[in-house]
Amino acid sequence: MRIEVAVMMQVHVPDDTDLDDLNLEIDETGIRFVSNGETVADVNSIEDYYIDDIDSGEYDWDEDDEE
């Protein structure tokens, strides 16, 4: 089964972080928050998190790939 999960996080980043360019990268090595090509936070910077929503409805994931 494939589900859609919305997770809310409180993360510490440097004060001068460009929030307009902030991206979340997740891969086999972990979680990183990247801004302007530089890692500004990692899993150790996450202060708190919770699952906000889970949807297991009939969603066709392949439709998004075609756009």
N, C-alpha and C. Protein backbone atom coordinates (compact mmCIF):
# COMPACT_ATOMS: atom_id res chain seq x y z
N MET A 1 0.85 -1.17 0.00
CA MET A 1 0.00 0.00 0.00
C MET A 1 0.89 1.24 0.00
N ARG A 2 0.52 2.21 -0.77
CA ARG A 2 1.24 3.48 -0.82
C ARG A 2 0.35 4.55 -0.20
N ILE A 3 0.90 5.35 0.71
CA ILE A 3 0.12 6.38 1.39
C ILE A 3 0.76 7.75 1.20
N GLU A 4 -0.03 8.77 1.42
CA GLU A 4 0.45 10.14 1.42
C GLU A 4 0.46 10.62 2.87
N VAL A 5 1.62 11.11 3.33
CA VAL A 5 1.78 11.51 4.73
C VAL A 5 2.25 12.96 4.79
N ALA A 6 1.59 13.76 5.61
CA ALA A 6 2.02 15.14 5.86
C ALA A 6 2.66 15.18 7.25
N VAL A 7 3.93 15.57 7.30
CA VAL A 7 4.67 15.63 8.56
C VAL A 7 5.03 17.09 8.84
N MET A 8 4.76 17.53 10.05
CA MET A 8 5.14 18.87 10.48
C MET A 8 6.39 18.74 11.34
N MET A 9 7.38 19.65 11.12
CA MET A 9 8.63 19.60 11.89
C MET A 9 8.99 20.99 12.39
N GLN A 10 9.61 21.02 13.56
CA GLN A 10 10.26 22.22 14.06
C GLN A 10 11.75 21.98 13.93
N VAL A 11 12.42 22.82 13.14
CA VAL A 11 13.82 22.61 12.80
C VAL A 11 14.61 23.87 13.09
N HIS A 12 15.78 23.72 13.68
CA HIS A 12 16.68 24.84 13.90
C HIS A 12 17.56 25.02 12.67
N VAL A 13 17.55 26.24 12.10
CA VAL A 13 18.42 26.59 10.98
C VAL A 13 19.13 27.89 11.34
N PRO A 14 20.26 28.19 10.71
CA PRO A 14 20.95 29.45 10.98
C PRO A 14 20.04 30.65 10.66
N ASP A 15 20.23 31.74 11.40
CA ASP A 15 19.41 32.94 11.23
C ASP A 15 19.45 33.50 9.81
N ASP A 16 20.57 33.33 9.11
CA ASP A 16 20.70 33.91 7.77
C ASP A 16 20.27 32.95 6.65
N THR A 17 19.55 31.89 6.99
CA THR A 17 19.09 30.92 6.00
C THR A 17 18.08 31.55 5.05
N ASP A 18 18.27 31.35 3.75
CA ASP A 18 17.32 31.83 2.74
C ASP A 18 16.14 30.86 2.71
N LEU A 19 15.07 31.22 3.40
CA LEU A 19 13.92 30.32 3.52
C LEU A 19 13.19 30.14 2.19
N ASP A 20 13.31 31.10 1.28
CA ASP A 20 12.68 30.96 -0.04
C ASP A 20 13.35 29.87 -0.87
N ASP A 21 14.59 29.53 -0.56
CA ASP A 21 15.33 28.52 -1.30
C ASP A 21 15.48 27.21 -0.51
N LEU A 22 14.84 27.12 0.64
CA LEU A 22 15.00 25.96 1.51
C LEU A 22 14.31 24.73 0.92
N ASN A 23 15.05 23.62 0.84
CA ASN A 23 14.53 22.36 0.32
C ASN A 23 14.82 21.25 1.30
N LEU A 24 13.96 20.25 1.28
CA LEU A 24 14.15 19.05 2.09
C LEU A 24 14.64 17.94 1.17
N GLU A 25 15.75 17.32 1.52
CA GLU A 25 16.29 16.21 0.75
C GLU A 25 16.31 14.97 1.64
N ILE A 26 15.72 13.90 1.14
CA ILE A 26 15.68 12.63 1.86
C ILE A 26 16.21 11.55 0.94
N ASP A 27 17.20 10.81 1.42
CA ASP A 27 17.73 9.69 0.66
C ASP A 27 18.26 8.64 1.62
N GLU A 28 18.99 7.67 1.11
CA GLU A 28 19.46 6.57 1.95
C GLU A 28 20.45 7.01 3.03
N THR A 29 21.03 8.21 2.88
CA THR A 29 21.98 8.70 3.89
C THR A 29 21.31 9.50 4.99
N GLY A 30 20.06 9.92 4.79
CA GLY A 30 19.35 10.65 5.83
C GLY A 30 18.52 11.81 5.32
N ILE A 31 18.25 12.74 6.22
CA ILE A 31 17.43 13.92 5.95
C ILE A 31 18.32 15.15 6.03
N ARG A 32 18.20 16.04 5.03
CA ARG A 32 18.96 17.29 5.02
C ARG A 32 18.05 18.43 4.59
N PHE A 33 18.26 19.58 5.18
CA PHE A 33 17.61 20.80 4.75
C PHE A 33 18.68 21.62 4.05
N VAL A 34 18.43 21.96 2.78
CA VAL A 34 19.43 22.60 1.94
C VAL A 34 18.91 23.95 1.47
N SER A 35 19.77 24.96 1.54
CA SER A 35 19.45 26.30 1.05
C SER A 35 20.65 26.83 0.28
N ASN A 36 20.40 27.30 -0.93
CA ASN A 36 21.46 27.82 -1.80
C ASN A 36 22.61 26.83 -1.96
N GLY A 37 22.27 25.54 -2.08
CA GLY A 37 23.27 24.51 -2.32
C GLY A 37 24.03 24.05 -1.10
N GLU A 38 23.76 24.62 0.06
CA GLU A 38 24.47 24.26 1.29
C GLU A 38 23.52 23.59 2.28
N THR A 39 23.98 22.54 2.95
CA THR A 39 23.19 21.91 4.00
C THR A 39 23.17 22.84 5.21
N VAL A 40 21.97 23.26 5.61
CA VAL A 40 21.83 24.18 6.74
C VAL A 40 21.32 23.48 8.00
N ALA A 41 20.79 22.25 7.83
CA ALA A 41 20.31 21.48 8.98
C ALA A 41 20.22 20.01 8.57
N ASP A 42 20.30 19.15 9.58
CA ASP A 42 20.15 17.72 9.33
C ASP A 42 19.21 17.14 10.39
N VAL A 43 19.16 15.83 10.48
CA VAL A 43 18.24 15.19 11.40
C VAL A 43 18.47 15.64 12.85
N ASN A 44 19.69 15.97 13.20
CA ASN A 44 19.99 16.42 14.56
C ASN A 44 19.42 17.80 14.86
N SER A 45 19.02 18.54 13.82
CA SER A 45 18.46 19.88 13.99
C SER A 45 16.95 19.86 14.18
N ILE A 46 16.33 18.69 14.05
CA ILE A 46 14.89 18.58 14.22
C ILE A 46 14.57 18.54 15.71
N GLU A 47 13.83 19.56 16.16
CA GLU A 47 13.48 19.67 17.58
C GLU A 47 12.24 18.85 17.91
N ASP A 48 11.27 18.87 17.01
CA ASP A 48 10.02 18.17 17.25
C ASP A 48 9.38 17.86 15.90
N TYR A 49 8.53 16.84 15.87
CA TYR A 49 7.79 16.52 14.65
C TYR A 49 6.55 15.73 15.01
N TYR A 50 5.57 15.76 14.13
CA TYR A 50 4.37 14.95 14.30
C TYR A 50 3.74 14.71 12.94
N ILE A 51 2.97 13.64 12.84
CA ILE A 51 2.23 13.35 11.61
C ILE A 51 0.96 14.18 11.63
N ASP A 52 0.80 15.03 10.63
CA ASP A 52 -0.34 15.93 10.55
C ASP A 52 -1.52 15.28 9.83
N ASP A 53 -1.24 14.44 8.84
CA ASP A 53 -2.32 13.85 8.06
C ASP A 53 -1.80 12.61 7.34
N ILE A 54 -2.66 11.63 7.20
CA ILE A 54 -2.35 10.43 6.41
C ILE A 54 -3.53 10.18 5.49
N ASP A 55 -3.23 9.96 4.21
CA ASP A 55 -4.28 9.67 3.24
C ASP A 55 -3.93 8.37 2.54
N SER A 56 -4.81 7.41 2.65
CA SER A 56 -4.59 6.13 1.97
C SER A 56 -5.65 5.90 0.91
N GLY A 57 -6.25 6.98 0.44
CA GLY A 57 -7.31 6.89 -0.55
C GLY A 57 -6.82 6.39 -1.89
N GLU A 58 -7.73 6.33 -2.82
CA GLU A 58 -7.43 5.86 -4.18
C GLU A 58 -6.75 6.97 -4.96
N TYR A 59 -5.46 7.12 -4.80
CA TYR A 59 -4.70 8.15 -5.49
C TYR A 59 -3.84 7.50 -6.55
N ASP A 60 -3.92 8.01 -7.77
CA ASP A 60 -3.15 7.44 -8.88
C ASP A 60 -1.80 8.15 -8.96
N TRP A 61 -0.77 7.57 -8.35
CA TRP A 61 0.55 8.18 -8.30
C TRP A 61 1.15 8.36 -9.68
N ASP A 62 0.80 7.50 -10.63
CA ASP A 62 1.37 7.58 -11.97
C ASP A 62 0.92 8.81 -12.73
N GLU A 63 -0.25 9.40 -12.39
CA GLU A 63 -0.73 10.60 -13.06
C GLU A 63 0.25 11.76 -12.87
N ASP A 64 0.83 11.90 -11.68
CA ASP A 64 1.77 12.98 -11.42
C ASP A 64 3.04 12.84 -12.25
N ASP A 65 3.45 11.62 -12.52
CA ASP A 65 4.67 11.38 -13.29
C ASP A 65 4.52 11.82 -14.74
N GLU A 66 3.29 11.85 -15.26
CA GLU A 66 3.06 12.19 -16.65
C GLU A 66 3.04 13.68 -16.90
N GLU A 67 2.86 14.50 -15.85
CA GLU A 67 2.74 15.95 -16.02
C GLU A 67 4.06 16.60 -16.30
